[in-house]
Amino acid sequence: MVAKFAVIMFLAIFTMSGCAFVQKAKRTDELEIENQNLRARITQLQQEKAKEVEHVVKQKDRELSELEKAKLELEDVLKREIGNYKAKLEMTERGLVITFLSEVFFDSGKDVIREDGKDSIRRVAEVLNRDVPDSNVAIEGHTDNQPIKYSGWKTNWELSSARALAVLHYLIDDCGVKPTRLSANGYGEFRSVAENDTKENMQKNRRVEIVILPSKISKVKAQ
């Protein structure tokens, strides 16, 4: 009787052990399937991320190539102004910056564009419309730090803003640049590029900048 009971207990334990082993093996298989699925998902995400990065890089390369092409075109059409040190071109974080000394466009203390200055703006507008039609453009007015005395403006803020707006309106009204692409800002004397300690340096600070932004950027980043 004892022997029979022992046999029964052995069989029961063996059966339970077998069931536990089967369940453990089944769980192991399930975990392996889950791991395979996770690894496959990780691989998929890595591939998607790689494609996204590649797309961004290609987009940036395309935008840069557009601005580089525009820079070459502008170097050609503005070679007279550049040669006379009245204008310069510079590729920056913000985009392609065209800097004109204010005297190219305006008489002292005025915001009316001179006739000979209009030709320079028209040549810039041709490049804007032909080579970078999807890029936004910011026009920025700057002055030296000399206080307003005779021209009637309240401060240099008003003068620099009025000059930026004058260029903006000329680009729209006479050069066919879409108004949705343009913005204007006046900074007065507060974003100087040189000390206002000599006539030459003050001349550098009196300027109008036309900033061509990469096509996917809608506004200028603060300097």
N, C-alpha and C. Protein backbone atom coordinates (compact mmCIF):
# COMPACT_ATOMS: atom_id res chain seq x y z
N MET A 1 0.84 -1.21 0.00
CA MET A 1 0.00 0.00 0.00
C MET A 1 0.87 1.26 0.00
N VAL A 2 1.92 1.19 0.82
CA VAL A 2 2.83 2.33 0.88
C VAL A 2 3.55 2.51 -0.45
N ALA A 3 3.94 1.39 -1.03
CA ALA A 3 4.64 1.44 -2.32
C ALA A 3 3.74 2.01 -3.39
N LYS A 4 2.49 1.63 -3.36
CA LYS A 4 1.54 2.14 -4.36
C LYS A 4 1.35 3.63 -4.21
N PHE A 5 1.25 4.06 -2.95
CA PHE A 5 1.10 5.50 -2.69
C PHE A 5 2.31 6.28 -3.17
N ALA A 6 3.47 5.70 -2.95
CA ALA A 6 4.70 6.35 -3.37
C ALA A 6 4.76 6.51 -4.88
N VAL A 7 4.30 5.45 -5.56
CA VAL A 7 4.27 5.51 -7.03
C VAL A 7 3.34 6.60 -7.51
N ILE A 8 2.17 6.67 -6.85
CA ILE A 8 1.19 7.70 -7.25
C ILE A 8 1.77 9.10 -7.03
N MET A 9 2.42 9.28 -5.87
CA MET A 9 3.02 10.59 -5.58
C MET A 9 4.11 10.94 -6.59
N PHE A 10 4.90 9.93 -6.95
CA PHE A 10 5.97 10.16 -7.92
C PHE A 10 5.39 10.59 -9.26
N LEU A 11 4.32 9.86 -9.68
CA LEU A 11 3.70 10.19 -10.96
C LEU A 11 3.10 11.60 -10.93
N ALA A 12 2.49 11.93 -9.78
CA ALA A 12 1.89 13.27 -9.67
C ALA A 12 2.96 14.35 -9.75
N ILE A 13 4.05 14.13 -9.01
CA ILE A 13 5.13 15.12 -9.03
C ILE A 13 5.74 15.21 -10.41
N PHE A 14 5.92 14.06 -11.04
CA PHE A 14 6.50 14.04 -12.39
C PHE A 14 5.62 14.78 -13.38
N THR A 15 4.29 14.54 -13.22
CA THR A 15 3.33 15.20 -14.12
C THR A 15 3.36 16.71 -13.93
N MET A 16 3.38 17.11 -12.64
CA MET A 16 3.43 18.55 -12.35
C MET A 16 4.71 19.18 -12.87
N SER A 17 5.81 18.44 -12.68
CA SER A 17 7.09 18.94 -13.18
C SER A 17 7.09 19.07 -14.69
N GLY A 18 6.47 18.07 -15.31
CA GLY A 18 6.38 18.10 -16.78
C GLY A 18 5.55 19.26 -17.26
N CYS A 19 4.43 19.53 -16.57
CA CYS A 19 3.58 20.66 -16.95
C CYS A 19 4.33 21.99 -16.76
N ALA A 20 5.05 22.09 -15.63
CA ALA A 20 5.82 23.30 -15.37
C ALA A 20 6.88 23.51 -16.43
N PHE A 21 7.52 22.41 -16.83
CA PHE A 21 8.55 22.49 -17.86
C PHE A 21 7.95 22.95 -19.18
N VAL A 22 6.78 22.36 -19.51
CA VAL A 22 6.11 22.73 -20.76
C VAL A 22 5.71 24.21 -20.73
N GLN A 23 5.15 24.64 -19.59
CA GLN A 23 4.74 26.05 -19.48
C GLN A 23 5.94 26.99 -19.56
N LYS A 24 7.04 26.56 -18.91
CA LYS A 24 8.24 27.39 -18.96
C LYS A 24 8.78 27.49 -20.39
N ALA A 25 8.77 26.37 -21.08
CA ALA A 25 9.24 26.37 -22.46
C ALA A 25 8.33 27.23 -23.34
N LYS A 26 7.02 27.14 -23.08
CA LYS A 26 6.08 27.95 -23.86
C LYS A 26 6.31 29.43 -23.60
N ARG A 27 6.53 29.79 -22.33
CA ARG A 27 6.77 31.19 -21.99
C ARG A 27 8.07 31.69 -22.61
N THR A 28 9.07 30.80 -22.61
CA THR A 28 10.35 31.15 -23.24
C THR A 28 10.15 31.45 -24.72
N ASP A 29 9.35 30.61 -25.39
CA ASP A 29 9.07 30.84 -26.80
C ASP A 29 8.32 32.16 -27.01
N GLU A 30 7.38 32.44 -26.11
CA GLU A 30 6.63 33.69 -26.23
C GLU A 30 7.55 34.91 -26.05
N LEU A 31 8.45 34.81 -25.07
CA LEU A 31 9.39 35.91 -24.84
C LEU A 31 10.32 36.10 -26.03
N GLU A 32 10.75 34.99 -26.62
CA GLU A 32 11.62 35.08 -27.79
C GLU A 32 10.90 35.75 -28.95
N ILE A 33 9.60 35.42 -29.13
CA ILE A 33 8.81 36.04 -30.19
C ILE A 33 8.67 37.54 -29.92
N GLU A 34 8.42 37.90 -28.64
CA GLU A 34 8.31 39.31 -28.27
C GLU A 34 9.62 40.05 -28.55
N ASN A 35 10.74 39.39 -28.19
CA ASN A 35 12.04 40.01 -28.45
C ASN A 35 12.28 40.20 -29.94
N GLN A 36 11.92 39.22 -30.73
CA GLN A 36 12.07 39.33 -32.18
C GLN A 36 11.24 40.48 -32.73
N ASN A 37 10.00 40.58 -32.21
CA ASN A 37 9.13 41.68 -32.66
C ASN A 37 9.71 43.04 -32.25
N LEU A 38 10.25 43.11 -31.03
CA LEU A 38 10.86 44.36 -30.57
C LEU A 38 12.08 44.72 -31.41
N ARG A 39 12.90 43.71 -31.70
CA ARG A 39 14.08 43.97 -32.52
C ARG A 39 13.68 44.44 -33.92
N ALA A 40 12.62 43.83 -34.46
CA ALA A 40 12.14 44.23 -35.78
C ALA A 40 11.60 45.65 -35.76
N ARG A 41 10.91 46.01 -34.66
CA ARG A 41 10.36 47.36 -34.53
C ARG A 41 11.48 48.38 -34.40
N ILE A 42 12.51 48.04 -33.61
CA ILE A 42 13.66 48.93 -33.44
C ILE A 42 14.35 49.16 -34.78
N THR A 43 14.53 48.09 -35.54
CA THR A 43 15.15 48.20 -36.86
C THR A 43 14.32 49.10 -37.77
N GLN A 44 12.99 48.93 -37.72
CA GLN A 44 12.09 49.75 -38.53
C GLN A 44 12.20 51.22 -38.16
N LEU A 45 12.21 51.48 -36.84
CA LEU A 45 12.32 52.87 -36.38
C LEU A 45 13.66 53.48 -36.78
N GLN A 46 14.73 52.69 -36.69
CA GLN A 46 16.04 53.18 -37.10
C GLN A 46 16.07 53.51 -38.59
N GLN A 47 15.44 52.67 -39.39
CA GLN A 47 15.38 52.92 -40.83
C GLN A 47 14.56 54.18 -41.13
N GLU A 48 13.41 54.33 -40.41
CA GLU A 48 12.59 55.51 -40.61
C GLU A 48 13.35 56.77 -40.20
N LYS A 49 14.08 56.70 -39.09
CA LYS A 49 14.85 57.85 -38.63
C LYS A 49 15.96 58.19 -39.61
N ALA A 50 16.60 57.15 -40.14
CA ALA A 50 17.67 57.38 -41.12
C ALA A 50 17.12 58.07 -42.36
N LYS A 51 15.94 57.64 -42.80
CA LYS A 51 15.32 58.26 -43.97
C LYS A 51 14.95 59.71 -43.68
N GLU A 52 14.45 59.95 -42.45
CA GLU A 52 14.08 61.31 -42.07
C GLU A 52 15.31 62.22 -42.05
N VAL A 53 16.39 61.72 -41.47
CA VAL A 53 17.63 62.50 -41.42
C VAL A 53 18.15 62.76 -42.83
N GLU A 54 18.08 61.74 -43.68
CA GLU A 54 18.54 61.90 -45.06
C GLU A 54 17.72 62.95 -45.79
N HIS A 55 16.40 62.95 -45.55
CA HIS A 55 15.52 63.93 -46.18
C HIS A 55 15.88 65.35 -45.72
N VAL A 56 16.11 65.50 -44.39
CA VAL A 56 16.46 66.82 -43.86
C VAL A 56 17.78 67.29 -44.44
N VAL A 57 18.76 66.39 -44.52
CA VAL A 57 20.06 66.76 -45.07
C VAL A 57 19.93 67.18 -46.53
N LYS A 58 19.15 66.42 -47.30
CA LYS A 58 18.95 66.77 -48.71
C LYS A 58 18.26 68.12 -48.84
N GLN A 59 17.27 68.37 -47.96
CA GLN A 59 16.55 69.64 -47.99
C GLN A 59 17.49 70.80 -47.68
N LYS A 60 18.33 70.61 -46.65
CA LYS A 60 19.28 71.67 -46.30
C LYS A 60 20.28 71.89 -47.42
N ASP A 61 20.72 70.81 -48.03
CA ASP A 61 21.66 70.93 -49.15
C ASP A 61 21.02 71.68 -50.31
N ARG A 62 19.73 71.39 -50.57
CA ARG A 62 19.03 72.07 -51.65
C ARG A 62 18.89 73.55 -51.36
N GLU A 63 18.50 73.87 -50.10
CA GLU A 63 18.37 75.28 -49.73
C GLU A 63 19.70 76.01 -49.82
N LEU A 64 20.75 75.34 -49.34
CA LEU A 64 22.07 75.97 -49.39
C LEU A 64 22.50 76.19 -50.83
N SER A 65 22.23 75.20 -51.68
CA SER A 65 22.63 75.35 -53.08
C SER A 65 21.87 76.50 -53.74
N GLU A 66 20.60 76.68 -53.36
CA GLU A 66 19.83 77.81 -53.89
C GLU A 66 20.45 79.14 -53.47
N LEU A 67 20.80 79.24 -52.18
CA LEU A 67 21.40 80.48 -51.69
C LEU A 67 22.79 80.69 -52.28
N GLU A 68 23.54 79.61 -52.44
CA GLU A 68 24.87 79.74 -53.05
C GLU A 68 24.75 80.22 -54.50
N LYS A 69 23.76 79.69 -55.21
CA LYS A 69 23.54 80.13 -56.58
C LYS A 69 23.15 81.61 -56.60
N ALA A 70 22.26 81.98 -55.68
CA ALA A 70 21.84 83.39 -55.60
C ALA A 70 23.03 84.29 -55.27
N LYS A 71 23.91 83.81 -54.40
CA LYS A 71 25.09 84.59 -54.03
C LYS A 71 25.98 84.84 -55.26
N LEU A 72 26.17 83.81 -56.06
CA LEU A 72 26.99 83.96 -57.27
C LEU A 72 26.35 84.95 -58.25
N GLU A 73 25.03 84.85 -58.39
CA GLU A 73 24.32 85.77 -59.28
C GLU A 73 24.44 87.21 -58.79
N LEU A 74 24.27 87.38 -57.47
CA LEU A 74 24.33 88.72 -56.90
C LEU A 74 25.74 89.30 -56.98
N GLU A 75 26.74 88.45 -56.81
CA GLU A 75 28.11 88.93 -56.96
C GLU A 75 28.35 89.50 -58.36
N ASP A 76 27.66 88.92 -59.33
CA ASP A 76 27.80 89.40 -60.70
C ASP A 76 27.02 90.69 -60.93
N VAL A 77 25.75 90.71 -60.51
CA VAL A 77 24.91 91.87 -60.81
C VAL A 77 25.25 93.08 -59.93
N LEU A 78 25.90 92.84 -58.79
CA LEU A 78 26.26 93.95 -57.89
C LEU A 78 27.77 94.21 -57.89
N LYS A 79 28.46 93.74 -58.92
CA LYS A 79 29.92 93.86 -58.90
C LYS A 79 30.37 95.32 -58.85
N ARG A 80 29.56 96.23 -59.41
CA ARG A 80 29.94 97.65 -59.34
C ARG A 80 29.89 98.15 -57.90
N GLU A 81 28.79 97.87 -57.21
CA GLU A 81 28.65 98.31 -55.82
C GLU A 81 29.67 97.62 -54.92
N ILE A 82 29.88 96.32 -55.15
CA ILE A 82 30.86 95.58 -54.34
C ILE A 82 32.27 96.12 -54.60
N GLY A 83 32.57 96.38 -55.86
CA GLY A 83 33.88 96.91 -56.21
C GLY A 83 34.15 98.27 -55.61
N ASN A 84 33.10 99.05 -55.42
CA ASN A 84 33.25 100.38 -54.83
C ASN A 84 33.07 100.36 -53.31
N TYR A 85 33.02 99.16 -52.74
CA TYR A 85 32.84 98.97 -51.29
C TYR A 85 31.54 99.60 -50.78
N LYS A 86 30.54 99.63 -51.65
CA LYS A 86 29.23 100.13 -51.26
C LYS A 86 28.28 99.01 -50.86
N ALA A 87 28.67 97.78 -51.17
CA ALA A 87 27.83 96.62 -50.86
C ALA A 87 28.73 95.43 -50.60
N LYS A 88 28.19 94.46 -49.86
CA LYS A 88 28.90 93.20 -49.66
C LYS A 88 27.90 92.08 -49.47
N LEU A 89 28.34 90.85 -49.72
CA LEU A 89 27.52 89.66 -49.57
C LEU A 89 28.15 88.74 -48.55
N GLU A 90 27.30 88.12 -47.73
CA GLU A 90 27.83 87.24 -46.69
C GLU A 90 26.82 86.14 -46.40
N MET A 91 27.29 84.88 -46.37
CA MET A 91 26.45 83.76 -45.99
C MET A 91 26.55 83.59 -44.48
N THR A 92 25.41 83.65 -43.80
CA THR A 92 25.39 83.57 -42.34
C THR A 92 24.42 82.49 -41.89
N GLU A 93 24.30 82.32 -40.57
CA GLU A 93 23.34 81.36 -40.03
C GLU A 93 21.91 81.71 -40.45
N ARG A 94 21.63 82.98 -40.57
CA ARG A 94 20.28 83.42 -40.92
C ARG A 94 19.98 83.18 -42.39
N GLY A 95 21.00 83.24 -43.21
CA GLY A 95 20.81 83.13 -44.65
C GLY A 95 21.82 84.00 -45.37
N LEU A 96 21.47 84.40 -46.58
CA LEU A 96 22.36 85.24 -47.39
C LEU A 96 22.04 86.71 -47.10
N VAL A 97 23.04 87.44 -46.61
CA VAL A 97 22.85 88.84 -46.22
C VAL A 97 23.51 89.75 -47.27
N ILE A 98 22.70 90.64 -47.85
CA ILE A 98 23.20 91.66 -48.77
C ILE A 98 23.21 92.97 -48.00
N THR A 99 24.39 93.53 -47.81
CA THR A 99 24.52 94.77 -47.05
C THR A 99 24.86 95.93 -47.99
N PHE A 100 24.03 96.95 -47.97
CA PHE A 100 24.28 98.18 -48.74
C PHE A 100 24.54 99.32 -47.77
N LEU A 101 25.54 100.13 -48.06
CA LEU A 101 25.65 101.39 -47.33
C LEU A 101 24.41 102.22 -47.63
N SER A 102 23.89 102.91 -46.63
CA SER A 102 22.65 103.67 -46.81
C SER A 102 22.77 104.70 -47.93
N GLU A 103 23.97 105.24 -48.14
CA GLU A 103 24.14 106.27 -49.17
C GLU A 103 23.89 105.75 -50.58
N VAL A 104 23.89 104.43 -50.76
CA VAL A 104 23.55 103.87 -52.07
C VAL A 104 22.09 104.19 -52.41
N PHE A 105 21.23 104.19 -51.40
CA PHE A 105 19.80 104.37 -51.62
C PHE A 105 19.27 105.75 -51.21
N PHE A 106 19.87 106.35 -50.19
CA PHE A 106 19.24 107.51 -49.56
C PHE A 106 20.22 108.67 -49.39
N ASP A 107 19.68 109.88 -49.51
CA ASP A 107 20.43 111.06 -49.09
C ASP A 107 20.39 111.14 -47.57
N SER A 108 21.29 111.92 -47.00
CA SER A 108 21.40 112.00 -45.55
C SER A 108 20.07 112.42 -44.91
N GLY A 109 19.62 111.64 -43.94
CA GLY A 109 18.41 111.94 -43.20
C GLY A 109 17.12 111.69 -43.95
N LYS A 110 17.18 111.11 -45.16
CA LYS A 110 15.99 110.92 -45.99
C LYS A 110 15.59 109.44 -46.05
N ASP A 111 14.33 109.21 -46.41
CA ASP A 111 13.85 107.85 -46.62
C ASP A 111 13.28 107.66 -48.02
N VAL A 112 13.56 108.60 -48.92
CA VAL A 112 13.13 108.50 -50.32
C VAL A 112 14.28 107.89 -51.12
N ILE A 113 14.01 106.80 -51.82
CA ILE A 113 15.07 106.11 -52.55
C ILE A 113 15.52 106.94 -53.75
N ARG A 114 16.80 107.13 -53.86
CA ARG A 114 17.36 107.88 -54.98
C ARG A 114 17.21 107.07 -56.27
N GLU A 115 17.16 107.77 -57.41
CA GLU A 115 16.96 107.11 -58.69
C GLU A 115 18.08 106.13 -59.00
N ASP A 116 19.33 106.51 -58.72
CA ASP A 116 20.43 105.60 -59.00
C ASP A 116 20.43 104.41 -58.04
N GLY A 117 19.82 104.58 -56.87
CA GLY A 117 19.71 103.46 -55.93
C GLY A 117 18.65 102.45 -56.35
N LYS A 118 17.64 102.91 -57.05
CA LYS A 118 16.57 102.01 -57.48
C LYS A 118 17.09 100.91 -58.41
N ASP A 119 18.08 101.25 -59.22
CA ASP A 119 18.63 100.26 -60.13
C ASP A 119 19.26 99.09 -59.37
N SER A 120 19.93 99.37 -58.27
CA SER A 120 20.53 98.31 -57.45
C SER A 120 19.45 97.40 -56.87
N ILE A 121 18.37 98.00 -56.42
CA ILE A 121 17.28 97.21 -55.85
C ILE A 121 16.63 96.34 -56.93
N ARG A 122 16.45 96.89 -58.11
CA ARG A 122 15.85 96.12 -59.20
C ARG A 122 16.69 94.89 -59.54
N ARG A 123 18.00 95.06 -59.54
CA ARG A 123 18.87 93.92 -59.86
C ARG A 123 18.79 92.85 -58.79
N VAL A 124 18.69 93.27 -57.53
CA VAL A 124 18.49 92.30 -56.45
C VAL A 124 17.16 91.58 -56.61
N ALA A 125 16.12 92.34 -56.94
CA ALA A 125 14.78 91.76 -57.10
C ALA A 125 14.74 90.71 -58.20
N GLU A 126 15.47 90.92 -59.27
CA GLU A 126 15.52 89.93 -60.35
C GLU A 126 16.04 88.59 -59.84
N VAL A 127 17.06 88.64 -59.01
CA VAL A 127 17.60 87.39 -58.44
C VAL A 127 16.61 86.78 -57.45
N LEU A 128 15.95 87.62 -56.65
CA LEU A 128 14.96 87.11 -55.70
C LEU A 128 13.84 86.37 -56.42
N ASN A 129 13.36 86.93 -57.50
CA ASN A 129 12.23 86.34 -58.21
C ASN A 129 12.64 85.14 -59.06
N ARG A 130 13.85 85.15 -59.56
CA ARG A 130 14.27 84.08 -60.48
C ARG A 130 14.91 82.90 -59.75
N ASP A 131 15.81 83.18 -58.82
CA ASP A 131 16.64 82.11 -58.25
C ASP A 131 16.18 81.60 -56.89
N VAL A 132 15.51 82.43 -56.11
CA VAL A 132 15.05 81.99 -54.78
C VAL A 132 13.59 82.40 -54.58
N PRO A 133 12.70 81.95 -55.45
CA PRO A 133 11.31 82.41 -55.39
C PRO A 133 10.54 81.94 -54.15
N ASP A 134 11.06 80.92 -53.45
CA ASP A 134 10.36 80.40 -52.27
C ASP A 134 10.95 80.93 -50.96
N SER A 135 11.96 81.76 -51.05
CA SER A 135 12.61 82.26 -49.84
C SER A 135 11.97 83.56 -49.37
N ASN A 136 11.77 83.66 -48.06
CA ASN A 136 11.33 84.92 -47.48
C ASN A 136 12.51 85.89 -47.39
N VAL A 137 12.18 87.16 -47.33
CA VAL A 137 13.22 88.19 -47.37
C VAL A 137 12.92 89.24 -46.29
N ALA A 138 13.93 89.54 -45.49
CA ALA A 138 13.80 90.57 -44.45
C ALA A 138 14.65 91.77 -44.83
N ILE A 139 14.06 92.96 -44.74
CA ILE A 139 14.80 94.19 -45.00
C ILE A 139 15.02 94.88 -43.66
N GLU A 140 16.27 95.22 -43.37
CA GLU A 140 16.62 95.77 -42.07
C GLU A 140 17.35 97.11 -42.24
N GLY A 141 16.86 98.11 -41.52
CA GLY A 141 17.49 99.42 -41.56
C GLY A 141 18.34 99.66 -40.32
N HIS A 142 19.52 100.28 -40.51
CA HIS A 142 20.45 100.55 -39.42
C HIS A 142 21.02 101.96 -39.58
N THR A 143 21.38 102.57 -38.47
CA THR A 143 21.98 103.91 -38.48
C THR A 143 23.24 103.93 -37.63
N ASP A 144 23.95 105.06 -37.65
CA ASP A 144 25.02 105.27 -36.67
C ASP A 144 24.38 105.78 -35.38
N ASN A 145 25.20 106.20 -34.43
CA ASN A 145 24.64 106.61 -33.13
C ASN A 145 24.48 108.12 -32.98
N GLN A 146 24.62 108.85 -34.08
CA GLN A 146 24.46 110.30 -34.00
C GLN A 146 22.99 110.66 -33.82
N PRO A 147 22.65 111.46 -32.82
CA PRO A 147 21.24 111.82 -32.60
C PRO A 147 20.70 112.66 -33.75
N ILE A 148 19.40 112.50 -33.99
CA ILE A 148 18.73 113.27 -35.03
C ILE A 148 18.71 114.76 -34.64
N LYS A 149 19.11 115.61 -35.58
CA LYS A 149 19.12 117.06 -35.29
C LYS A 149 18.27 117.87 -36.26
N TYR A 150 18.42 117.60 -37.56
CA TYR A 150 17.82 118.50 -38.55
C TYR A 150 16.79 117.82 -39.46
N SER A 151 16.78 116.50 -39.53
CA SER A 151 15.97 115.83 -40.55
C SER A 151 14.50 115.66 -40.17
N GLY A 152 14.16 115.93 -38.93
CA GLY A 152 12.75 115.87 -38.55
C GLY A 152 12.29 114.54 -37.97
N TRP A 153 13.13 113.54 -38.01
CA TRP A 153 12.75 112.25 -37.40
C TRP A 153 12.85 112.36 -35.89
N LYS A 154 11.99 111.64 -35.20
CA LYS A 154 12.02 111.67 -33.74
C LYS A 154 13.32 111.06 -33.21
N THR A 155 13.67 109.86 -33.72
CA THR A 155 14.91 109.18 -33.34
C THR A 155 15.41 108.38 -34.53
N ASN A 156 16.55 107.74 -34.34
CA ASN A 156 17.09 106.86 -35.38
C ASN A 156 16.23 105.63 -35.61
N TRP A 157 15.43 105.27 -34.62
CA TRP A 157 14.48 104.16 -34.81
C TRP A 157 13.56 104.45 -36.00
N GLU A 158 12.97 105.64 -35.97
CA GLU A 158 12.02 106.00 -37.03
C GLU A 158 12.70 106.07 -38.40
N LEU A 159 13.89 106.65 -38.44
CA LEU A 159 14.61 106.76 -39.71
C LEU A 159 14.95 105.39 -40.27
N SER A 160 15.51 104.52 -39.44
CA SER A 160 15.90 103.19 -39.93
C SER A 160 14.69 102.37 -40.35
N SER A 161 13.59 102.49 -39.62
CA SER A 161 12.36 101.77 -39.99
C SER A 161 11.78 102.29 -41.30
N ALA A 162 11.77 103.62 -41.45
CA ALA A 162 11.22 104.21 -42.68
C ALA A 162 12.04 103.80 -43.89
N ARG A 163 13.35 103.71 -43.75
CA ARG A 163 14.18 103.30 -44.88
C ARG A 163 13.95 101.83 -45.24
N ALA A 164 13.83 100.99 -44.22
CA ALA A 164 13.55 99.57 -44.49
C ALA A 164 12.20 99.43 -45.20
N LEU A 165 11.21 100.18 -44.76
CA LEU A 165 9.89 100.11 -45.40
C LEU A 165 9.92 100.68 -46.82
N ALA A 166 10.74 101.69 -47.04
CA ALA A 166 10.84 102.25 -48.39
C ALA A 166 11.38 101.20 -49.37
N VAL A 167 12.39 100.47 -48.96
CA VAL A 167 12.92 99.40 -49.81
C VAL A 167 11.89 98.30 -50.00
N LEU A 168 11.20 97.94 -48.92
CA LEU A 168 10.16 96.91 -49.01
C LEU A 168 9.09 97.30 -50.03
N HIS A 169 8.58 98.52 -49.93
CA HIS A 169 7.52 98.95 -50.85
C HIS A 169 8.02 99.02 -52.29
N TYR A 170 9.26 99.40 -52.47
CA TYR A 170 9.78 99.45 -53.84
C TYR A 170 9.89 98.04 -54.42
N LEU A 171 10.31 97.09 -53.62
CA LEU A 171 10.37 95.69 -54.08
C LEU A 171 8.99 95.18 -54.49
N ILE A 172 7.99 95.58 -53.74
CA ILE A 172 6.62 95.13 -54.03
C ILE A 172 6.03 95.89 -55.22
N ASP A 173 6.05 97.21 -55.14
CA ASP A 173 5.33 98.04 -56.09
C ASP A 173 6.01 98.14 -57.46
N ASP A 174 7.31 98.11 -57.48
CA ASP A 174 8.02 98.34 -58.74
C ASP A 174 8.80 97.13 -59.25
N CYS A 175 9.03 96.15 -58.38
CA CYS A 175 9.86 95.01 -58.78
C CYS A 175 9.12 93.69 -58.79
N GLY A 176 7.86 93.68 -58.40
CA GLY A 176 7.05 92.47 -58.50
C GLY A 176 7.37 91.38 -57.50
N VAL A 177 8.03 91.71 -56.38
CA VAL A 177 8.28 90.71 -55.33
C VAL A 177 7.00 90.54 -54.52
N LYS A 178 6.61 89.30 -54.25
CA LYS A 178 5.36 89.05 -53.53
C LYS A 178 5.44 89.61 -52.11
N PRO A 179 4.43 90.36 -51.70
CA PRO A 179 4.45 90.95 -50.35
C PRO A 179 4.47 89.92 -49.24
N THR A 180 3.93 88.72 -49.51
CA THR A 180 3.91 87.67 -48.48
C THR A 180 5.30 87.18 -48.13
N ARG A 181 6.27 87.50 -48.96
CA ARG A 181 7.65 87.06 -48.71
C ARG A 181 8.44 88.04 -47.86
N LEU A 182 7.93 89.25 -47.70
CA LEU A 182 8.75 90.34 -47.18
C LEU A 182 8.39 90.76 -45.76
N SER A 183 9.40 91.23 -45.05
CA SER A 183 9.20 91.87 -43.75
C SER A 183 10.22 93.00 -43.63
N ALA A 184 9.94 93.97 -42.75
CA ALA A 184 10.85 95.11 -42.58
C ALA A 184 11.05 95.39 -41.09
N ASN A 185 12.29 95.71 -40.73
CA ASN A 185 12.62 96.03 -39.35
C ASN A 185 13.59 97.20 -39.31
N GLY A 186 13.42 98.06 -38.30
CA GLY A 186 14.37 99.14 -38.08
C GLY A 186 15.06 98.96 -36.75
N TYR A 187 16.38 99.01 -36.74
CA TYR A 187 17.14 98.75 -35.52
C TYR A 187 17.89 99.98 -35.01
N GLY A 188 17.70 101.12 -35.68
CA GLY A 188 18.41 102.31 -35.23
C GLY A 188 19.90 102.08 -35.16
N GLU A 189 20.51 102.55 -34.07
CA GLU A 189 21.97 102.40 -33.90
C GLU A 189 22.35 101.18 -33.08
N PHE A 190 21.38 100.30 -32.77
CA PHE A 190 21.61 99.30 -31.74
C PHE A 190 22.13 97.95 -32.23
N ARG A 191 22.39 97.83 -33.52
CA ARG A 191 23.05 96.62 -34.03
C ARG A 191 24.21 97.05 -34.94
N SER A 192 25.11 97.79 -34.36
CA SER A 192 26.24 98.32 -35.12
C SER A 192 27.21 97.21 -35.48
N VAL A 193 27.96 97.43 -36.55
CA VAL A 193 28.98 96.48 -37.00
C VAL A 193 30.37 97.03 -36.75
N ALA A 194 30.46 98.27 -36.26
CA ALA A 194 31.75 98.90 -35.97
C ALA A 194 31.53 99.95 -34.89
N GLU A 195 32.59 100.32 -34.22
CA GLU A 195 32.51 101.41 -33.25
C GLU A 195 32.21 102.72 -33.99
N ASN A 196 31.40 103.55 -33.37
CA ASN A 196 31.06 104.85 -33.98
C ASN A 196 32.10 105.91 -33.60
N ASP A 197 33.35 105.56 -33.83
CA ASP A 197 34.42 106.45 -33.39
C ASP A 197 35.12 107.19 -34.53
N THR A 198 34.82 106.80 -35.77
CA THR A 198 35.39 107.51 -36.93
C THR A 198 34.30 107.66 -37.98
N LYS A 199 34.53 108.55 -38.94
CA LYS A 199 33.57 108.73 -40.02
C LYS A 199 33.40 107.44 -40.83
N GLU A 200 34.52 106.75 -41.05
CA GLU A 200 34.46 105.52 -41.82
C GLU A 200 33.62 104.46 -41.11
N ASN A 201 33.79 104.32 -39.80
CA ASN A 201 33.01 103.34 -39.06
C ASN A 201 31.53 103.72 -38.98
N MET A 202 31.25 105.00 -38.81
CA MET A 202 29.85 105.43 -38.80
C MET A 202 29.19 105.16 -40.14
N GLN A 203 29.96 105.33 -41.22
CA GLN A 203 29.43 105.02 -42.55
C GLN A 203 29.07 103.55 -42.66
N LYS A 204 29.90 102.66 -42.09
CA LYS A 204 29.60 101.22 -42.11
C LYS A 204 28.31 100.91 -41.37
N ASN A 205 28.06 101.63 -40.30
CA ASN A 205 26.86 101.37 -39.50
C ASN A 205 25.59 101.88 -40.16
N ARG A 206 25.70 102.90 -40.99
CA ARG A 206 24.53 103.40 -41.72
C ARG A 206 24.33 102.49 -42.94
N ARG A 207 23.41 101.56 -42.81
CA ARG A 207 23.29 100.53 -43.85
C ARG A 207 21.88 99.99 -43.93
N VAL A 208 21.60 99.35 -45.05
CA VAL A 208 20.36 98.59 -45.24
C VAL A 208 20.76 97.17 -45.60
N GLU A 209 20.21 96.21 -44.87
CA GLU A 209 20.52 94.80 -45.13
C GLU A 209 19.29 94.10 -45.68
N ILE A 210 19.50 93.35 -46.75
CA ILE A 210 18.45 92.51 -47.32
C ILE A 210 18.86 91.06 -47.05
N VAL A 211 18.07 90.38 -46.22
CA VAL A 211 18.42 89.04 -45.77
C VAL A 211 17.52 88.02 -46.48
N ILE A 212 18.15 87.15 -47.28
CA ILE A 212 17.42 86.09 -47.97
C ILE A 212 17.50 84.84 -47.10
N LEU A 213 16.35 84.42 -46.62
CA LEU A 213 16.30 83.28 -45.70
C LEU A 213 16.19 81.96 -46.47
N PRO A 214 16.70 80.86 -45.89
CA PRO A 214 16.43 79.55 -46.48
C PRO A 214 14.94 79.36 -46.64
N SER A 215 14.54 78.62 -47.65
CA SER A 215 13.13 78.59 -48.07
C SER A 215 12.17 78.06 -47.02
N LYS A 216 12.64 77.28 -46.03
CA LYS A 216 11.75 76.72 -45.02
C LYS A 216 11.71 77.53 -43.74
N ILE A 217 12.45 78.65 -43.69
CA ILE A 217 12.44 79.49 -42.50
C ILE A 217 11.57 80.70 -42.75
N SER A 218 10.67 80.99 -41.84
CA SER A 218 9.70 82.05 -42.10
C SER A 218 10.06 83.37 -41.44
N LYS A 219 11.06 83.38 -40.54
CA LYS A 219 11.42 84.65 -39.94
C LYS A 219 12.89 84.63 -39.56
N VAL A 220 13.41 85.84 -39.39
CA VAL A 220 14.83 85.97 -39.08
C VAL A 220 15.07 85.63 -37.63
N LYS A 221 16.14 84.87 -37.37
CA LYS A 221 16.55 84.61 -36.00
C LYS A 221 17.26 85.84 -35.45
N ALA A 222 17.03 86.08 -34.19
CA ALA A 222 17.69 87.22 -33.57
C ALA A 222 19.19 87.00 -33.54
N GLN A 223 19.95 88.04 -33.75
CA GLN A 223 21.40 87.94 -33.71
C GLN A 223 21.88 87.85 -32.28
